[in-house]
Protein backbone atom coordinates (compact mmCIF):
# COMPACT_ATOMS: atom_id res chain seq x y z
CA MET A 1 96.93 52.77 57.20
CA ALA A 2 94.19 54.48 55.18
CA THR A 3 91.91 51.50 55.78
CA ILE A 4 92.30 51.83 59.55
CA VAL A 5 91.65 55.58 59.41
CA PHE A 6 88.42 55.15 57.46
CA ILE A 7 87.24 52.37 59.79
CA VAL A 8 87.88 54.52 62.88
CA ILE A 9 86.15 57.53 61.31
CA ALA A 10 83.17 55.34 60.38
CA TYR A 11 82.92 53.99 63.93
CA LEU A 12 82.99 57.52 65.40
CA ILE A 13 80.37 58.74 62.92
CA GLY A 14 78.18 55.79 63.85
CA SER A 15 78.66 56.52 67.55
CA VAL A 16 76.80 59.82 67.27
CA SER A 17 73.31 59.08 68.66
CA PHE A 18 70.71 61.25 66.98
CA ALA A 19 68.02 59.89 69.31
CA VAL A 20 69.85 61.37 72.28
CA LEU A 21 70.85 64.56 70.45
CA MET A 22 67.36 65.29 69.11
CA SER A 23 65.77 64.51 72.48
CA ARG A 24 68.06 66.99 74.19
CA LEU A 25 67.52 69.60 71.49
CA PHE A 26 63.72 69.34 71.78
CA HIS A 27 63.72 68.94 75.58
CA LEU A 28 62.39 65.38 75.56
CA PRO A 29 63.26 62.62 78.03
CA ASP A 30 66.39 60.62 77.35
CA PRO A 31 65.24 57.71 75.12
CA ARG A 32 67.28 55.36 77.29
CA THR A 33 64.91 55.99 80.21
CA TYR A 34 61.52 54.95 78.79
CA GLY A 35 59.79 52.48 76.50
CA SER A 36 62.25 49.96 75.10
CA ARG A 37 65.12 52.11 76.45
CA ASN A 38 66.56 51.92 72.97
CA PRO A 39 68.10 55.15 71.61
CA GLY A 40 66.43 54.95 68.23
CA ALA A 41 63.69 56.60 66.18
CA THR A 42 61.01 54.03 67.06
CA ASN A 43 61.43 54.66 70.77
CA VAL A 44 61.49 58.45 70.28
CA MET A 45 58.17 58.04 68.45
CA ARG A 46 56.66 56.90 71.75
CA THR A 47 56.88 60.48 73.04
CA GLY A 48 54.28 61.45 70.46
CA ARG A 49 56.72 63.81 68.74
CA LYS A 50 56.71 62.40 65.22
CA ASN A 51 58.81 65.28 63.93
CA VAL A 52 61.60 64.50 66.38
CA ALA A 53 61.38 60.79 65.54
CA ALA A 54 61.63 61.65 61.83
CA LEU A 55 64.72 63.79 62.44
CA THR A 56 66.24 60.95 64.45
CA LEU A 57 65.51 58.51 61.64
CA LEU A 58 67.04 60.79 59.03
CA GLY A 59 70.11 61.47 61.15
CA ASP A 60 70.80 57.82 61.87
CA ALA A 61 70.34 56.92 58.20
CA ALA A 62 72.49 59.86 57.07
CA LYS A 63 75.47 58.81 59.18
CA GLY A 64 75.37 55.31 57.69
CA TRP A 65 75.23 56.81 54.22
CA LEU A 66 77.99 59.34 54.94
CA ALA A 67 80.52 56.81 56.26
CA VAL A 68 80.17 54.57 53.20
CA TYR A 69 80.01 57.49 50.77
CA LEU A 70 83.29 58.91 52.10
CA VAL A 71 85.23 55.67 51.74
CA GLN A 72 83.82 55.07 48.25
CA HIS A 73 84.59 58.65 47.22
CA PHE A 74 88.24 58.39 48.28
CA ALA A 75 88.71 54.71 47.41
CA SER A 76 90.58 55.31 44.15
CA ARG A 77 92.80 57.99 45.66
CA TYR A 78 94.02 55.72 48.46
CA GLY A 79 93.84 52.43 46.58
CA LEU A 80 91.01 51.03 48.66
CA GLY A 81 88.86 48.16 47.46
CA SER A 82 85.63 46.39 48.34
CA PRO A 83 87.03 44.82 51.54
CA THR A 84 87.65 48.28 53.02
CA ILE A 85 84.20 49.49 51.96
CA ALA A 86 82.71 46.39 53.60
CA ALA A 87 84.70 47.01 56.80
CA VAL A 88 83.52 50.63 56.93
CA ALA A 89 79.90 49.53 56.49
CA LEU A 90 80.26 47.24 59.50
CA ALA A 91 82.16 49.84 61.54
CA VAL A 92 79.47 52.52 61.26
CA PHE A 93 76.83 49.97 62.31
CA LEU A 94 78.91 48.89 65.30
CA GLY A 95 79.43 52.52 66.23
CA HIS A 96 75.68 53.06 66.29
CA SER A 97 74.97 49.88 68.24
CA TYR A 98 77.93 50.17 70.64
CA SER A 99 78.58 53.88 70.82
CA VAL A 100 81.76 55.02 72.53
CA PHE A 101 79.82 58.13 73.59
CA LEU A 102 77.08 56.09 75.31
CA ARG A 103 79.31 53.68 77.23
CA PHE A 104 79.14 51.17 74.39
CA ARG A 105 75.37 51.06 74.30
CA GLY A 106 73.25 52.13 71.35
CA GLY A 107 70.39 51.54 68.98
CA LYS A 108 69.51 48.47 66.98
CA GLY A 109 70.80 49.93 63.73
CA VAL A 110 67.86 49.69 61.33
CA ALA A 111 68.03 53.28 60.05
CA THR A 112 71.84 53.27 59.96
CA THR A 113 71.83 50.05 57.95
CA CYS A 114 69.35 51.60 55.53
CA GLY A 115 71.75 54.49 54.99
CA VAL A 116 74.62 52.08 54.44
CA LEU A 117 72.66 50.12 51.83
CA LEU A 118 71.63 53.29 49.98
CA ALA A 119 75.28 54.35 49.79
CA LEU A 120 76.47 50.93 48.65
CA ASN A 121 73.90 50.84 45.85
CA ILE A 122 70.77 52.95 45.45
CA TRP A 123 68.71 49.99 44.18
CA LEU A 124 69.85 47.80 47.04
CA GLY A 125 68.73 50.45 49.51
CA LEU A 126 65.42 51.14 47.79
CA MET A 127 64.48 47.46 47.47
CA THR A 128 65.24 46.84 51.13
CA LEU A 129 63.38 49.97 52.17
CA ALA A 130 60.39 48.95 50.02
CA THR A 131 60.38 45.54 51.71
CA TRP A 132 60.31 47.18 55.15
CA LEU A 133 57.54 49.55 54.08
CA VAL A 134 55.26 46.85 52.64
CA ILE A 135 55.64 44.61 55.70
CA PHE A 136 55.11 47.53 58.06
CA ILE A 137 51.96 48.68 56.26
CA VAL A 138 50.54 45.16 56.51
CA SER A 139 51.63 44.33 60.07
CA ARG A 140 52.08 47.78 61.65
CA ILE A 141 54.97 46.23 63.61
CA SER A 142 58.26 48.02 63.01
CA SER A 143 60.51 45.27 64.38
CA PHE A 144 58.85 42.57 62.27
CA ALA A 145 59.24 44.70 59.15
CA ALA A 146 62.91 45.25 60.02
CA LEU A 147 63.51 41.53 60.46
CA VAL A 148 61.91 40.65 57.12
CA ALA A 149 63.91 43.41 55.39
CA ALA A 150 67.07 42.10 57.08
CA VAL A 151 66.44 38.63 55.64
CA MET A 152 65.86 40.01 52.15
CA ALA A 153 68.77 42.49 52.04
CA PRO A 154 71.55 39.89 51.55
CA ILE A 155 69.54 38.27 48.75
CA PHE A 156 69.30 41.63 47.00
CA ALA A 157 73.01 42.29 47.65
CA PHE A 158 74.23 38.99 46.19
CA TYR A 159 72.03 39.59 43.15
CA ILE A 160 73.55 43.06 42.63
CA PHE A 161 77.19 42.54 43.69
CA GLY A 162 77.64 38.80 43.30
CA TRP A 163 80.27 37.14 45.52
CA ASP A 164 81.78 40.45 46.55
CA SER A 165 82.97 41.67 49.97
CA ARG A 166 80.08 44.14 50.01
CA SER A 167 77.58 41.28 49.74
CA PHE A 168 79.14 39.54 52.72
CA ALA A 169 79.11 42.84 54.63
CA VAL A 170 75.37 43.11 54.02
CA LEU A 171 74.95 39.51 55.19
CA ALA A 172 76.89 40.33 58.36
CA LEU A 173 74.80 43.45 58.94
CA SER A 174 71.62 41.42 58.55
CA LEU A 175 72.80 38.81 61.06
CA LEU A 176 73.74 41.57 63.50
CA LEU A 177 70.33 43.18 63.06
CA VAL A 178 68.57 39.90 63.80
CA TRP A 179 70.79 39.37 66.84
CA ARG A 180 70.06 42.92 68.08
CA HIS A 181 66.33 42.16 67.81
CA GLN A 182 66.38 39.07 70.07
CA SER A 183 63.95 40.59 72.56
CA ASN A 184 61.63 41.64 69.74
CA ILE A 185 61.69 38.13 68.32
CA ARG A 186 60.70 36.70 71.71
CA ASN A 187 57.87 39.25 71.94
CA LEU A 188 56.71 38.44 68.41
CA ILE A 189 56.56 34.74 69.24
CA ALA A 190 54.65 35.53 72.44
CA GLY A 191 52.33 37.94 70.62
CA THR A 192 53.28 40.84 72.89
CA GLU A 193 55.38 42.97 70.52
CA ALA A 194 54.34 46.62 70.41
CA SER A 195 52.65 47.77 67.22
CA PHE A 196 51.44 51.02 65.68
CA LYS A 197 47.92 49.77 65.05
CA LYS A 198 45.24 52.32 65.77
CA ARG A 199 43.28 51.57 68.87
CA LYS A 200 39.52 51.85 68.85
């Protein structure tokens, strides 16, 4: 019963869209109506309001961290193990990507996944974040950096956790991230993916 409760709570936490909330708070257009139409920090950045995009990024990462932190904090009290923690990690991602508050639409889950990884293990989160940062600095393409980080995250997880449920949860999250970036992958192959390179 406790497992189900934590999974439902995680899904509802994930369903809170900070892109939509921050846009309303700062009187910006709904992120679902412009650019990629994706309610995420990268799309909010297209308004030119970097501060709002940063708040969106932090909020989406924080909810991923919070959901996993809560289940880990209460795990011993309710006799919960790694499988429940893994299920919660997936539930908060699915909540973000298929929000019950947005008619089961949502973001691609990069920031939320980052929060999840930081909660699972600080080194796992930092190594994945460092991978994203290095690739982004070189390419200036957020989606490409996210895809490379998604490929590396399970490798880091299996190194840290071994053959644990949490490692398989990270693998599942990575596969979901790649699947959610199908349109970006097509654009990358075609050479039309949007970048943050400075224009002359």
